[in-house]
Amino acid sequence: MPEPVRPNAERRPTERMMLEEPIAAGAACPVETIAQAYLDTSHGDADIALRCAITDALSDLLEAERRARENSRLISRGYVRSAAER
């Protein structure tokens, strides 16, 4: 006999429920869309999907940090040039 459905406030999704419940087309939440894309790419393997998402996030973070250092270096160089021209 299936478990009775409880109100949403009390219902906690399990990993199995999250994998089995398809995300509605046109879902407004980009997190759900991204999560579904990783699950689709990993053929439903949540472990691989999570590892891919973390790898991509870390890659993006490292790239953002690299760009910030580069911008900081260019700004510092600009201040030095400006002071030397005076």
PDB file of N, CA and C in Angstrom:
ATOM      1  N   MET A   1       0.845  -1.174   0.000  1.00  0.00           N
ATOM      2  CA  MET A   1       0.000   0.000   0.000  1.00  0.00           C
ATOM      3  C   MET A   1       0.895   1.243   0.000  1.00  0.00           C
ATOM      4  N   PRO A   2       0.679   2.180  -0.914  1.00  0.00           N
ATOM      5  CA  PRO A   2       1.516   3.381  -0.967  1.00  0.00           C
ATOM      6  C   PRO A   2       1.295   4.268   0.244  1.00  0.00           C
ATOM      7  N   GLU A   3       2.341   4.963   0.593  1.00  0.00           N
ATOM      8  CA  GLU A   3       2.284   5.894   1.720  1.00  0.00           C
ATOM      9  C   GLU A   3       1.393   7.071   1.358  1.00  0.00           C
ATOM     10  N   PRO A   4       0.546   7.534   2.286  1.00  0.00           N
ATOM     11  CA  PRO A   4      -0.315   8.685   1.970  1.00  0.00           C
ATOM     12  C   PRO A   4       0.517   9.933   1.728  1.00  0.00           C
ATOM     13  N   VAL A   5       0.032  10.762   0.836  1.00  0.00           N
ATOM     14  CA  VAL A   5       0.735  11.997   0.497  1.00  0.00           C
ATOM     15  C   VAL A   5       0.512  13.008   1.605  1.00  0.00           C
ATOM     16  N   ARG A   6       1.617  13.533   2.125  1.00  0.00           N
ATOM     17  CA  ARG A   6       1.538  14.534   3.174  1.00  0.00           C
ATOM     18  C   ARG A   6       1.630  15.919   2.552  1.00  0.00           C
ATOM     19  N   PRO A   7       1.231  16.950   3.283  1.00  0.00           N
ATOM     20  CA  PRO A   7       1.375  18.314   2.749  1.00  0.00           C
ATOM     21  C   PRO A   7       2.836  18.600   2.410  1.00  0.00           C
ATOM     22  N   ASN A   8       3.057  19.472   1.443  1.00  0.00           N
ATOM     23  CA  ASN A   8       4.412  19.778   0.981  1.00  0.00           C
ATOM     24  C   ASN A   8       5.351  20.225   2.088  1.00  0.00           C
ATOM     25  N   ALA A   9       4.840  20.926   3.089  1.00  0.00           N
ATOM     26  CA  ALA A   9       5.693  21.411   4.170  1.00  0.00           C
ATOM     27  C   ALA A   9       6.324  20.256   4.931  1.00  0.00           C
ATOM     28  N   GLU A  10       5.637  19.119   4.999  1.00  0.00           N
ATOM     29  CA  GLU A  10       6.140  17.975   5.748  1.00  0.00           C
ATOM     30  C   GLU A  10       6.877  16.983   4.862  1.00  0.00           C
ATOM     31  N   ARG A  11       6.682  17.039   3.601  1.00  0.00           N
ATOM     32  CA  ARG A  11       7.239  16.053   2.682  1.00  0.00           C
ATOM     33  C   ARG A  11       8.676  16.410   2.341  1.00  0.00           C
ATOM     34  N   ARG A  12       9.574  15.484   2.616  1.00  0.00           N
ATOM     35  CA  ARG A  12      10.983  15.700   2.291  1.00  0.00           C
ATOM     36  C   ARG A  12      11.343  14.742   1.150  1.00  0.00           C
ATOM     37  N   PRO A  13      11.831  15.266   0.047  1.00  0.00           N
ATOM     38  CA  PRO A  13      12.147  14.381  -1.071  1.00  0.00           C
ATOM     39  C   PRO A  13      13.398  13.551  -0.784  1.00  0.00           C
ATOM     40  N   THR A  14      13.346  12.316  -1.175  1.00  0.00           N
ATOM     41  CA  THR A  14      14.515  11.456  -1.083  1.00  0.00           C
ATOM     42  C   THR A  14      15.240  11.530  -2.413  1.00  0.00           C
ATOM     43  N   GLU A  15      16.467  11.015  -2.446  1.00  0.00           N
ATOM     44  CA  GLU A  15      17.226  11.037  -3.704  1.00  0.00           C
ATOM     45  C   GLU A  15      16.455  10.296  -4.788  1.00  0.00           C
ATOM     46  N   ARG A  16      15.842   9.187  -4.432  1.00  0.00           N
ATOM     47  CA  ARG A  16      15.091   8.412  -5.410  1.00  0.00           C
ATOM     48  C   ARG A  16      13.925   9.219  -5.963  1.00  0.00           C
ATOM     49  N   MET A  17      13.209   9.936  -5.080  1.00  0.00           N
ATOM     50  CA  MET A  17      12.080  10.747  -5.529  1.00  0.00           C
ATOM     51  C   MET A  17      12.555  11.833  -6.478  1.00  0.00           C
ATOM     52  N   MET A  18      13.686  12.451  -6.147  1.00  0.00           N
ATOM     53  CA  MET A  18      14.178  13.541  -6.984  1.00  0.00           C
ATOM     54  C   MET A  18      14.563  13.032  -8.366  1.00  0.00           C
ATOM     55  N   LEU A  19      15.109  11.821  -8.440  1.00  0.00           N
ATOM     56  CA  LEU A  19      15.508  11.279  -9.733  1.00  0.00           C
ATOM     57  C   LEU A  19      14.306  10.796 -10.540  1.00  0.00           C
ATOM     58  N   GLU A  20      13.280  10.324  -9.854  1.00  0.00           N
ATOM     59  CA  GLU A  20      12.127   9.772 -10.552  1.00  0.00           C
ATOM     60  C   GLU A  20      11.116  10.823 -10.976  1.00  0.00           C
ATOM     61  N   GLU A  21      11.062  11.949 -10.266  1.00  0.00           N
ATOM     62  CA  GLU A  21      10.081  12.979 -10.603  1.00  0.00           C
ATOM     63  C   GLU A  21      10.672  13.898 -11.670  1.00  0.00           C
ATOM     64  N   PRO A  22      10.151  13.839 -12.894  1.00  0.00           N
ATOM     65  CA  PRO A  22      10.690  14.713 -13.933  1.00  0.00           C
ATOM     66  C   PRO A  22      10.375  16.176 -13.626  1.00  0.00           C
ATOM     67  N   ILE A  23      11.266  17.021 -14.033  1.00  0.00           N
ATOM     68  CA  ILE A  23      11.072  18.453 -13.830  1.00  0.00           C
ATOM     69  C   ILE A  23      10.134  18.952 -14.911  1.00  0.00           C
ATOM     70  N   ALA A  24       9.132  19.702 -14.502  1.00  0.00           N
ATOM     71  CA  ALA A  24       8.135  20.202 -15.440  1.00  0.00           C
ATOM     72  C   ALA A  24       8.779  21.080 -16.501  1.00  0.00           C
ATOM     73  N   ALA A  25       8.306  20.942 -17.716  1.00  0.00           N
ATOM     74  CA  ALA A  25       8.825  21.765 -18.805  1.00  0.00           C
ATOM     75  C   ALA A  25       8.540  23.226 -18.501  1.00  0.00           C
ATOM     76  N   GLY A  26       9.526  24.065 -18.728  1.00  0.00           N
ATOM     77  CA  GLY A  26       9.357  25.487 -18.488  1.00  0.00           C
ATOM     78  C   GLY A  26       9.430  25.852 -17.015  1.00  0.00           C
ATOM     79  N   ALA A  27      10.065  24.992 -16.217  1.00  0.00           N
ATOM     80  CA  ALA A  27      10.192  25.286 -14.787  1.00  0.00           C
ATOM     81  C   ALA A  27      10.921  26.613 -14.622  1.00  0.00           C
ATOM     82  N   ALA A  28      10.452  27.421 -13.689  1.00  0.00           N
ATOM     83  CA  ALA A  28      10.984  28.769 -13.513  1.00  0.00           C
ATOM     84  C   ALA A  28      12.333  28.769 -12.812  1.00  0.00           C
ATOM     85  N   CYS A  29      12.666  27.727 -12.082  1.00  0.00           N
ATOM     86  CA  CYS A  29      13.888  27.707 -11.280  1.00  0.00           C
ATOM     87  C   CYS A  29      15.076  27.239 -12.127  1.00  0.00           C
ATOM     88  N   PRO A  30      16.077  28.096 -12.323  1.00  0.00           N
ATOM     89  CA  PRO A  30      17.229  27.685 -13.126  1.00  0.00           C
ATOM     90  C   PRO A  30      18.044  26.586 -12.458  1.00  0.00           C
ATOM     91  N   VAL A  31      18.002  26.493 -11.140  1.00  0.00           N
ATOM     92  CA  VAL A  31      18.734  25.434 -10.442  1.00  0.00           C
ATOM     93  C   VAL A  31      18.204  24.070 -10.870  1.00  0.00           C
ATOM     94  N   GLU A  32      16.899  23.943 -10.937  1.00  0.00           N
ATOM     95  CA  GLU A  32      16.297  22.673 -11.343  1.00  0.00           C
ATOM     96  C   GLU A  32      16.645  22.342 -12.792  1.00  0.00           C
ATOM     97  N   THR A  33      16.650  23.345 -13.638  1.00  0.00           N
ATOM     98  CA  THR A  33      16.988  23.134 -15.047  1.00  0.00           C
ATOM     99  C   THR A  33      18.426  22.660 -15.188  1.00  0.00           C
ATOM    100  N   ILE A  34      19.329  23.304 -14.451  1.00  0.00           N
ATOM    101  CA  ILE A  34      20.745  22.920 -14.499  1.00  0.00           C
ATOM    102  C   ILE A  34      20.935  21.523 -13.933  1.00  0.00           C
ATOM    103  N   ALA A  35      20.288  21.244 -12.795  1.00  0.00           N
ATOM    104  CA  ALA A  35      20.403  19.920 -12.183  1.00  0.00           C
ATOM    105  C   ALA A  35      19.906  18.840 -13.140  1.00  0.00           C
ATOM    106  N   GLN A  36      18.800  19.109 -13.799  1.00  0.00           N
ATOM    107  CA  GLN A  36      18.262  18.128 -14.744  1.00  0.00           C
ATOM    108  C   GLN A  36      19.208  17.931 -15.924  1.00  0.00           C
ATOM    109  N   ALA A  37      19.835  18.996 -16.383  1.00  0.00           N
ATOM    110  CA  ALA A  37      20.780  18.876 -17.492  1.00  0.00           C
ATOM    111  C   ALA A  37      21.969  17.997 -17.104  1.00  0.00           C
ATOM    112  N   TYR A  38      22.482  18.179 -15.881  1.00  0.00           N
ATOM    113  CA  TYR A  38      23.588  17.322 -15.424  1.00  0.00           C
ATOM    114  C   TYR A  38      23.127  15.874 -15.281  1.00  0.00           C
ATOM    115  N   LEU A  39      21.915  15.663 -14.762  1.00  0.00           N
ATOM    116  CA  LEU A  39      21.399  14.295 -14.647  1.00  0.00           C
ATOM    117  C   LEU A  39      21.211  13.660 -16.019  1.00  0.00           C
ATOM    118  N   ASP A  40      20.706  14.425 -16.969  1.00  0.00           N
ATOM    119  CA  ASP A  40      20.528  13.899 -18.327  1.00  0.00           C
ATOM    120  C   ASP A  40      21.874  13.524 -18.939  1.00  0.00           C
ATOM    121  N   THR A  41      22.856  14.390 -18.755  1.00  0.00           N
ATOM    122  CA  THR A  41      24.186  14.145 -19.315  1.00  0.00           C
ATOM    123  C   THR A  41      24.831  12.906 -18.704  1.00  0.00           C
ATOM    124  N   SER A  42      24.572  12.687 -17.415  1.00  0.00           N
ATOM    125  CA  SER A  42      25.173  11.534 -16.726  1.00  0.00           C
ATOM    126  C   SER A  42      24.263  10.304 -16.763  1.00  0.00           C
ATOM    127  N   HIS A  43      23.247  10.337 -17.610  1.00  0.00           N
ATOM    128  CA  HIS A  43      22.307   9.215 -17.774  1.00  0.00           C
ATOM    129  C   HIS A  43      21.655   8.828 -16.453  1.00  0.00           C
ATOM    130  N   GLY A  44      21.312   9.842 -15.638  1.00  0.00           N
ATOM    131  CA  GLY A  44      20.585   9.604 -14.394  1.00  0.00           C
ATOM    132  C   GLY A  44      21.448   9.227 -13.205  1.00  0.00           C
ATOM    133  N   ASP A  45      22.760   9.156 -13.362  1.00  0.00           N
ATOM    134  CA  ASP A  45      23.651   8.818 -12.253  1.00  0.00           C
ATOM    135  C   ASP A  45      23.913  10.079 -11.433  1.00  0.00           C
ATOM    136  N   ALA A  46      23.285  10.165 -10.259  1.00  0.00           N
ATOM    137  CA  ALA A  46      23.372  11.371  -9.427  1.00  0.00           C
ATOM    138  C   ALA A  46      24.798  11.636  -8.945  1.00  0.00           C
ATOM    139  N   ASP A  47      25.563  10.584  -8.652  1.00  0.00           N
ATOM    140  CA  ASP A  47      26.947  10.768  -8.192  1.00  0.00           C
ATOM    141  C   ASP A  47      27.798  11.433  -9.266  1.00  0.00           C
ATOM    142  N   ILE A  48      27.698  10.945 -10.477  1.00  0.00           N
ATOM    143  CA  ILE A  48      28.474  11.528 -11.575  1.00  0.00           C
ATOM    144  C   ILE A  48      27.990  12.942 -11.866  1.00  0.00           C
ATOM    145  N   ALA A  49      26.678  13.160 -11.848  1.00  0.00           N
ATOM    146  CA  ALA A  49      26.129  14.494 -12.100  1.00  0.00           C
ATOM    147  C   ALA A  49      26.656  15.491 -11.079  1.00  0.00           C
ATOM    148  N   LEU A  50      26.681  15.098  -9.809  1.00  0.00           N
ATOM    149  CA  LEU A  50      27.182  15.984  -8.759  1.00  0.00           C
ATOM    150  C   LEU A  50      28.659  16.282  -8.955  1.00  0.00           C
ATOM    151  N   ARG A  51      29.439  15.269  -9.270  1.00  0.00           N
ATOM    152  CA  ARG A  51      30.877  15.483  -9.482  1.00  0.00           C
ATOM    153  C   ARG A  51      31.129  16.405 -10.683  1.00  0.00           C
ATOM    154  N   CYS A  52      30.359  16.235 -11.733  1.00  0.00           N
ATOM    155  CA  CYS A  52      30.508  17.113 -12.907  1.00  0.00           C
ATOM    156  C   CYS A  52      30.134  18.554 -12.566  1.00  0.00           C
ATOM    157  N   ALA A  53      29.055  18.725 -11.815  1.00  0.00           N
ATOM    158  CA  ALA A  53      28.626  20.071 -11.435  1.00  0.00           C
ATOM    159  C   ALA A  53      29.682  20.747 -10.559  1.00  0.00           C
ATOM    160  N   ILE A  54      30.244  20.005  -9.608  1.00  0.00           N
ATOM    161  CA  ILE A  54      31.287  20.566  -8.741  1.00  0.00           C
ATOM    162  C   ILE A  54      32.527  20.905  -9.551  1.00  0.00           C
ATOM    163  N   THR A  55      32.911  20.019 -10.458  1.00  0.00           N
ATOM    164  CA  THR A  55      34.086  20.272 -11.299  1.00  0.00           C
ATOM    165  C   THR A  55      33.896  21.533 -12.136  1.00  0.00           C
ATOM    166  N   ASP A  56      32.736  21.674 -12.744  1.00  0.00           N
ATOM    167  CA  ASP A  56      32.459  22.864 -13.549  1.00  0.00           C
ATOM    168  C   ASP A  56      32.440  24.130 -12.691  1.00  0.00           C
ATOM    169  N   ALA A  57      31.846  24.033 -11.500  1.00  0.00           N
ATOM    170  CA  ALA A  57      31.788  25.200 -10.614  1.00  0.00           C
ATOM    171  C   ALA A  57      33.181  25.624 -10.174  1.00  0.00           C
ATOM    172  N   LEU A  58      34.024  24.659  -9.816  1.00  0.00           N
ATOM    173  CA  LEU A  58      35.396  24.989  -9.417  1.00  0.00           C
ATOM    174  C   LEU A  58      36.188  25.571 -10.576  1.00  0.00           C
ATOM    175  N   SER A  59      35.978  25.041 -11.758  1.00  0.00           N
ATOM    176  CA  SER A  59      36.647  25.567 -12.940  1.00  0.00           C
ATOM    177  C   SER A  59      36.254  27.020 -13.183  1.00  0.00           C
ATOM    178  N   ASP A  60      34.958  27.296 -13.077  1.00  0.00           N
ATOM    179  CA  ASP A  60      34.471  28.675 -13.255  1.00  0.00           C
ATOM    180  C   ASP A  60      35.025  29.594 -12.177  1.00  0.00           C
ATOM    181  N   LEU A  61      35.098  29.098 -10.937  1.00  0.00           N
ATOM    182  CA  LEU A  61      35.629  29.897  -9.836  1.00  0.00           C
ATOM    183  C   LEU A  61      37.101  30.230 -10.066  1.00  0.00           C
ATOM    184  N   LEU A  62      37.882  29.247 -10.475  1.00  0.00           N
ATOM    185  CA  LEU A  62      39.310  29.489 -10.739  1.00  0.00           C
ATOM    186  C   LEU A  62      39.493  30.495 -11.873  1.00  0.00           C
ATOM    187  N   GLU A  63      38.678  30.391 -12.900  1.00  0.00           N
ATOM    188  CA  GLU A  63      38.763  31.335 -14.014  1.00  0.00           C
ATOM    189  C   GLU A  63      38.397  32.745 -13.563  1.00  0.00           C
ATOM    190  N   ALA A  64      37.365  32.861 -12.733  1.00  0.00           N
ATOM    191  CA  ALA A  64      36.968  34.182 -12.217  1.00  0.00           C
ATOM    192  C   ALA A  64      38.070  34.778 -11.347  1.00  0.00           C
ATOM    193  N   GLU A  65      38.707  33.946 -10.531  1.00  0.00           N
ATOM    194  CA  GLU A  65      39.816  34.431  -9.698  1.00  0.00           C
ATOM    195  C   GLU A  65      40.989  34.878 -10.564  1.00  0.00           C
ATOM    196  N   ARG A  66      41.277  34.123 -11.628  1.00  0.00           N
ATOM    197  CA  ARG A  66      42.368  34.494 -12.528  1.00  0.00           C
ATOM    198  C   ARG A  66      42.095  35.844 -13.175  1.00  0.00           C
ATOM    199  N   ARG A  67      40.855  36.028 -13.627  1.00  0.00           N
ATOM    200  CA  ARG A  67      40.484  37.308 -14.249  1.00  0.00           C
ATOM    201  C   ARG A  67      40.558  38.458 -13.248  1.00  0.00           C
ATOM    202  N   ALA A  68      40.151  38.202 -12.017  1.00  0.00           N
ATOM    203  CA  ALA A  68      40.217  39.252 -10.993  1.00  0.00           C
ATOM    204  C   ALA A  68      41.661  39.648 -10.720  1.00  0.00           C
ATOM    205  N   ARG A  69      42.567  38.668 -10.648  1.00  0.00           N
ATOM    206  CA  ARG A  69      43.992  38.980 -10.448  1.00  0.00           C
ATOM    207  C   ARG A  69      44.544  39.768 -11.623  1.00  0.00           C
ATOM    208  N   GLU A  70      44.163  39.367 -12.828  1.00  0.00           N
ATOM    209  CA  GLU A  70      44.620  40.071 -14.031  1.00  0.00           C
ATOM    210  C   GLU A  70      44.118  41.512 -14.032  1.00  0.00           C
ATOM    211  N   ASN A  71      42.843  41.702 -13.718  1.00  0.00           N
ATOM    212  CA  ASN A  71      42.293  43.059 -13.663  1.00  0.00           C
ATOM    213  C   ASN A  71      42.977  43.894 -12.594  1.00  0.00           C
ATOM    214  N   SER A  72      43.235  43.296 -11.453  1.00  0.00           N
ATOM    215  CA  SER A  72      43.916  43.998 -10.369  1.00  0.00           C
ATOM    216  C   SER A  72      45.316  44.417 -10.805  1.00  0.00           C
ATOM    217  N   ARG A  73      46.007  43.524 -11.491  1.00  0.00           N
ATOM    218  CA  ARG A  73      47.359  43.827 -11.986  1.00  0.00           C
ATOM    219  C   ARG A  73      47.317  44.975 -12.994  1.00  0.00           C
ATOM    220  N   LEU A  74      46.346  44.933 -13.896  1.00  0.00           N
ATOM    221  CA  LEU A  74      46.240  45.998 -14.896  1.00  0.00           C
ATOM    222  C   LEU A  74      45.885  47.333 -14.252  1.00  0.00           C
ATOM    223  N   ILE A  75      45.010  47.300 -13.253  1.00  0.00           N
ATOM    224  CA  ILE A  75      44.640  48.534 -12.561  1.00  0.00           C
ATOM    225  C   ILE A  75      45.850  49.093 -11.820  1.00  0.00           C
ATOM    226  N   SER A  76      46.589  48.222 -11.131  1.00  0.00           N
ATOM    227  CA  SER A  76      47.785  48.673 -10.402  1.00  0.00           C
ATOM    228  C   SER A  76      48.796  49.280 -11.363  1.00  0.00           C
ATOM    229  N   ARG A  77      48.992  48.653 -12.512  1.00  0.00           N
ATOM    230  CA  ARG A  77      49.930  49.178 -13.505  1.00  0.00           C
ATOM    231  C   ARG A  77      49.483  50.557 -13.979  1.00  0.00           C
ATOM    232  N   GLY A  78      48.170  50.733 -14.143  1.00  0.00           N
ATOM    233  CA  GLY A  78      47.639  52.028 -14.566  1.00  0.00           C
ATOM    234  C   GLY A  78      47.903  53.112 -13.541  1.00  0.00           C
ATOM    235  N   TYR A  79      47.772  52.787 -12.260  1.00  0.00           N
ATOM    236  CA  TYR A  79      48.046  53.768 -11.211  1.00  0.00           C
ATOM    237  C   TYR A  79      49.523  54.145 -11.199  1.00  0.00           C
ATOM    238  N   VAL A  80      50.388  53.182 -11.390  1.00  0.00           N
ATOM    239  CA  VAL A  80      51.830  53.448 -11.401  1.00  0.00           C
ATOM    240  C   VAL A  80      52.187  54.331 -12.597  1.00  0.00           C
ATOM    241  N   ARG A  81      51.644  54.015 -13.765  1.00  0.00           N
ATOM    242  CA  ARG A  81      51.917  54.839 -14.950  1.00  0.00           C
ATOM    243  C   ARG A  81      51.411  56.272 -14.765  1.00  0.00           C
ATOM    244  N   SER A  82      50.223  56.380 -14.200  1.00  0.00           N
ATOM    245  CA  SER A  82      49.646  57.700 -13.994  1.00  0.00           C
ATOM    246  C   SER A  82      50.516  58.544 -13.044  1.00  0.00           C
ATOM    247  N   ALA A  83      51.010  57.944 -11.988  1.00  0.00           N
ATOM    248  CA  ALA A  83      51.856  58.646 -11.018  1.00  0.00           C
ATOM    249  C   ALA A  83      53.204  59.022 -11.630  1.00  0.00           C
ATOM    250  N   ALA A  84      53.732  58.173 -12.504  1.00  0.00           N
ATOM    251  CA  ALA A  84      55.038  58.441 -13.114  1.00  0.00           C
ATOM    252  C   ALA A  84      54.951  59.573 -14.136  1.00  0.00           C
ATOM    253  N   GLU A  85      53.790  59.780 -14.736  1.00  0.00           N
ATOM    254  CA  GLU A  85      53.634  60.818 -15.763  1.00  0.00           C
ATOM    255  C   GLU A  85      53.492  62.206 -15.158  1.00  0.00           C
ATOM    256  N   ARG A  86      53.244  62.300 -13.894  1.00  0.00           N
ATOM    257  CA  ARG A  86      53.029  63.613 -13.255  1.00  0.00           C
ATOM    258  C   ARG A  86      54.296  64.347 -13.043  1.00  0.00           C
TER     259      ARG A  86
END
